[in-house]
Amino acid sequence: MDWVEFLGYAASASVLLTFCMSTMLPLRVLAISSNVLFAAYGAMADIYPVLALHVVLLPVNVFRLVQILRVARGVKAANASDVSIESLLPYMSRRNVKAGEVLITKGERADSMYYLFKGTMQILEIGKIVEAGALFGEIGIFGRERRRTATVVCISDCEIYEMTESKAKQLYYQDPAFGFAIIRLVIDRLLEQITILKTAPDAASRDARAPSERQVSM
């Protein structure tokens, strides 16, 4: 076996290995190796259709590999940082909401998420006060039934920025930083609600015991 024939077998083996890969990064690396080997084999053996095919495929696989590495770096960076509100504002529309106005009603269809720029709001079901700088309304639009889980009312005049459901989901798929930030926000919100639900019965039981304790002290 001469070295040109060996080159052909090596190129064929690299193609076989690509079918054994379960993830894209090693698959692209092997595909690039296969392109180089087959291009060299086609040139040395004067098999020009093979040469032409792999000369065309080589830059395609290199481009796809660069894309994969770029996405991987983006995901890694997103996992270590929070989303910037400034980066979201171009996708949001501004609204003014008056004091006493109900912005979100529990059970209604969720079609937007919000950023509170100025003012104060309250989540009625848990009594939580929402201050300026908060991002909220995300659970409903990413939930299976897309329904609001709580009612939010304005305590003071508020200035908010609104992002539609379709735009939020588009950013979720296109921007890894936004996607990770939304996941963390939803998890933090659910953990907060669990904590409130756990502490509520304890507070209720203390209130129920208070009269009898006062009677004993008297």
Protein backbone atom coordinates (compact mmCIF):
# COMPACT_ATOMS: atom_id res chain seq x y z
CA MET A 1 0.00 0.00 0.00
CA ASP A 2 1.51 3.34 -1.02
CA TRP A 3 0.99 6.53 0.97
CA VAL A 4 -1.64 7.94 -1.44
CA GLU A 5 -3.81 4.87 -0.90
CA PHE A 6 -3.21 5.15 2.84
CA LEU A 7 -4.38 8.77 2.64
CA GLY A 8 -7.63 7.61 1.04
CA TYR A 9 -8.23 5.06 3.81
CA ALA A 10 -7.49 7.67 6.47
CA ALA A 11 -9.97 10.07 4.85
CA SER A 12 -12.63 7.34 4.73
CA ALA A 13 -11.98 6.48 8.38
CA SER A 14 -12.49 10.11 9.39
CA VAL A 15 -15.85 10.13 7.62
CA LEU A 16 -16.83 6.96 9.48
CA LEU A 17 -15.91 8.57 12.79
CA THR A 18 -18.16 11.58 12.09
CA PHE A 19 -21.16 9.22 12.14
CA CYS A 20 -20.13 8.07 15.61
CA MET A 21 -20.17 11.57 17.11
CA SER A 22 -23.14 12.59 19.26
CA THR A 23 -22.23 16.27 19.67
CA MET A 24 -21.61 18.95 17.08
CA LEU A 25 -18.18 20.24 18.11
CA PRO A 26 -16.18 17.02 17.62
CA LEU A 27 -18.29 16.23 14.55
CA ARG A 28 -17.24 19.49 12.89
CA VAL A 29 -13.59 18.96 13.82
CA LEU A 30 -13.63 15.51 12.26
CA ALA A 31 -15.49 16.83 9.22
CA ILE A 32 -12.75 19.42 8.68
CA SER A 33 -10.09 16.71 9.02
CA SER A 34 -11.99 14.60 6.50
CA ASN A 35 -12.19 17.51 4.06
CA VAL A 36 -8.43 18.10 4.28
CA LEU A 37 -7.61 14.40 3.83
CA PHE A 38 -10.03 13.88 0.95
CA ALA A 39 -8.85 17.07 -0.79
CA ALA A 40 -5.26 15.88 -0.53
CA TYR A 41 -6.22 12.38 -1.70
CA GLY A 42 -8.19 13.75 -4.65
CA ALA A 43 -5.27 15.95 -5.68
CA MET A 44 -2.66 13.19 -5.37
CA ALA A 45 -4.79 10.54 -7.08
CA ASP A 46 -6.11 12.91 -9.75
CA ILE A 47 -9.70 12.35 -8.66
CA TYR A 48 -10.91 15.88 -9.31
CA PRO A 49 -14.61 15.49 -8.40
CA VAL A 50 -13.55 14.40 -4.90
CA LEU A 51 -11.06 17.26 -4.72
CA ALA A 52 -13.66 19.83 -5.81
CA LEU A 53 -16.30 18.55 -3.39
CA HIS A 54 -14.09 18.75 -0.32
CA VAL A 55 -12.54 22.06 -1.30
CA VAL A 56 -16.10 23.44 -1.24
CA LEU A 57 -17.07 21.64 1.99
CA LEU A 58 -13.97 22.72 3.94
CA PRO A 59 -14.89 26.41 4.37
CA VAL A 60 -18.50 25.42 5.13
CA ASN A 61 -17.39 23.20 8.02
CA VAL A 62 -14.90 25.79 9.26
CA PHE A 63 -17.67 28.41 9.29
CA ARG A 64 -20.01 26.10 11.21
CA LEU A 65 -17.26 25.32 13.73
CA VAL A 66 -16.68 29.03 14.33
CA GLN A 67 -20.43 29.46 14.88
CA ILE A 68 -20.49 26.64 17.45
CA LEU A 69 -17.50 28.08 19.34
CA ARG A 70 -19.08 31.54 19.31
CA VAL A 71 -22.34 30.22 20.74
CA ALA A 72 -20.46 28.23 23.39
CA ARG A 73 -18.55 31.34 24.48
CA GLY A 74 -21.78 33.33 24.53
CA VAL A 75 -23.52 30.75 26.72
CA LYS A 76 -20.57 30.63 29.11
CA ALA A 77 -20.53 34.41 29.41
CA ALA A 78 -24.32 34.52 29.84
CA ASN A 79 -24.18 31.98 32.64
CA ALA A 80 -21.83 34.27 34.56
CA SER A 81 -23.70 37.55 34.15
CA ASP A 82 -27.16 39.12 34.32
CA VAL A 83 -29.01 40.62 31.41
CA SER A 84 -28.62 44.37 30.92
CA ILE A 85 -31.90 46.26 31.03
CA GLU A 86 -30.39 48.85 28.70
CA SER A 87 -30.02 46.16 26.06
CA LEU A 88 -33.75 45.32 26.36
CA LEU A 89 -35.17 48.83 26.19
CA PRO A 90 -35.00 49.04 22.35
CA TYR A 91 -37.42 46.08 22.26
CA MET A 92 -39.86 47.59 24.77
CA SER A 93 -42.57 50.24 24.55
CA ARG A 94 -43.09 52.92 27.23
CA ARG A 95 -46.34 53.34 29.18
CA ASN A 96 -47.61 55.51 32.02
CA VAL A 97 -49.91 53.87 34.57
CA LYS A 98 -51.94 55.80 37.16
CA ALA A 99 -52.03 55.10 40.89
CA GLY A 100 -54.74 52.56 41.76
CA GLU A 101 -54.79 51.09 38.27
CA VAL A 102 -54.55 47.30 37.97
CA LEU A 103 -51.75 46.40 35.57
CA ILE A 104 -52.06 42.60 35.80
CA THR A 105 -55.09 40.55 36.87
CA LYS A 106 -54.65 37.00 38.11
CA GLY A 107 -55.94 34.42 35.63
CA GLU A 108 -55.91 36.65 32.56
CA ARG A 109 -53.88 35.76 29.49
CA ALA A 110 -50.23 36.78 29.78
CA ASP A 111 -49.16 38.70 26.68
CA SER A 112 -46.35 40.94 28.00
CA MET A 113 -43.59 41.26 30.56
CA TYR A 114 -42.67 44.55 32.22
CA TYR A 115 -39.83 46.67 33.56
CA LEU A 116 -40.77 49.19 36.26
CA PHE A 117 -38.81 52.37 35.56
CA LYS A 118 -40.51 54.69 38.06
CA GLY A 119 -43.06 54.26 40.82
CA THR A 120 -44.23 51.51 43.17
CA MET A 121 -46.50 48.51 42.64
CA GLN A 122 -47.86 45.72 44.82
CA ILE A 123 -48.47 42.02 44.17
CA LEU A 124 -51.76 41.59 46.02
CA GLU A 125 -51.71 37.83 46.62
CA ILE A 126 -48.45 37.90 48.58
CA GLY A 127 -48.39 41.56 49.61
CA LYS A 128 -45.00 42.15 48.01
CA ILE A 129 -44.01 45.71 47.08
CA VAL A 130 -42.36 46.08 43.67
CA GLU A 131 -39.92 48.98 43.45
CA ALA A 132 -38.41 50.76 40.45
CA GLY A 133 -35.82 48.65 38.64
CA ALA A 134 -37.80 45.39 38.83
CA LEU A 135 -38.48 43.11 35.88
CA PHE A 136 -41.74 41.17 36.29
CA GLY A 137 -44.54 39.37 34.45
CA GLU A 138 -42.20 36.76 32.95
CA ILE A 139 -43.70 33.66 34.58
CA GLY A 140 -47.02 34.02 32.78
CA ILE A 141 -45.64 34.39 29.26
CA PHE A 142 -43.27 31.45 29.64
CA GLY A 143 -45.79 29.23 31.45
CA ARG A 144 -47.58 26.36 29.72
CA GLU A 145 -51.04 27.94 29.99
CA ARG A 146 -49.75 31.53 29.59
CA ARG A 147 -51.95 32.80 32.44
CA ARG A 148 -51.16 35.39 35.09
CA THR A 149 -50.38 33.92 38.51
CA ALA A 150 -51.00 37.08 40.56
CA THR A 151 -52.60 40.53 40.48
CA VAL A 152 -50.37 43.62 40.32
CA VAL A 153 -51.75 47.07 41.18
CA CYS A 154 -50.06 50.48 41.07
CA ILE A 155 -49.57 52.13 44.44
CA SER A 156 -48.28 55.34 42.86
CA ASP A 157 -48.14 56.76 39.36
CA CYS A 158 -45.77 54.50 37.44
CA GLU A 159 -43.69 54.58 34.30
CA ILE A 160 -43.17 51.12 32.83
CA TYR A 161 -41.60 49.54 29.78
CA GLU A 162 -43.50 46.66 28.16
CA MET A 163 -42.17 43.78 26.04
CA THR A 164 -44.62 41.62 24.11
CA GLU A 165 -44.75 37.85 24.51
CA SER A 166 -43.55 37.23 20.95
CA LYS A 167 -40.56 39.58 21.32
CA ALA A 168 -39.60 38.08 24.69
CA LYS A 169 -39.63 34.55 23.28
CA GLN A 170 -37.70 35.66 20.23
CA LEU A 171 -34.99 37.15 22.46
CA TYR A 172 -35.02 34.02 24.64
CA TYR A 173 -34.02 31.86 21.67
CA GLN A 174 -31.63 34.38 20.10
CA ASP A 175 -29.82 35.81 23.13
CA PRO A 176 -28.27 33.31 25.59
CA ALA A 177 -27.71 36.04 28.20
CA PHE A 178 -31.40 36.94 28.18
CA GLY A 179 -32.40 33.27 28.31
CA PHE A 180 -30.25 32.50 31.35
CA ALA A 181 -31.38 35.69 33.09
CA ILE A 182 -35.04 34.74 32.58
CA ILE A 183 -34.43 31.23 33.93
CA ARG A 184 -32.74 32.63 37.04
CA LEU A 185 -35.49 35.22 37.48
CA VAL A 186 -38.27 32.60 37.28
CA ILE A 187 -36.46 30.29 39.72
CA ASP A 188 -35.84 33.13 42.21
CA ARG A 189 -39.49 34.17 41.94
CA LEU A 190 -40.75 30.63 42.59
CA LEU A 191 -38.39 30.15 45.54
CA GLU A 192 -39.55 33.46 46.98
CA GLN A 193 -43.19 32.41 46.68
CA ILE A 194 -42.45 29.06 48.34
CA THR A 195 -40.77 30.87 51.23
CA ILE A 196 -43.75 33.20 51.63
CA LEU A 197 -46.20 30.28 51.60
CA LYS A 198 -44.14 28.47 54.24
CA THR A 199 -43.95 31.46 56.55
CA ALA A 200 -47.63 32.45 56.15
CA PRO A 201 -49.05 29.50 58.19
CA ASP A 202 -46.53 30.20 60.97
CA ALA A 203 -47.62 33.84 61.12
CA ALA A 204 -51.29 32.78 61.12
CA SER A 205 -50.74 30.34 63.98
CA ARG A 206 -48.94 33.00 66.01
CA ASP A 207 -51.87 35.37 65.52
CA ALA A 208 -54.29 32.64 66.58
CA ARG A 209 -52.31 31.95 69.77
CA ALA A 210 -51.92 35.61 70.66
CA PRO A 211 -55.36 36.13 72.35
CA SER A 212 -55.01 33.10 74.64
CA GLU A 213 -51.47 34.12 75.55
CA ARG A 214 -52.67 37.60 76.43
CA GLN A 215 -55.43 36.11 78.62
CA VAL A 216 -52.91 34.01 80.50
CA SER A 217 -50.69 37.00 81.11
CA MET A 218 -53.63 38.95 82.47
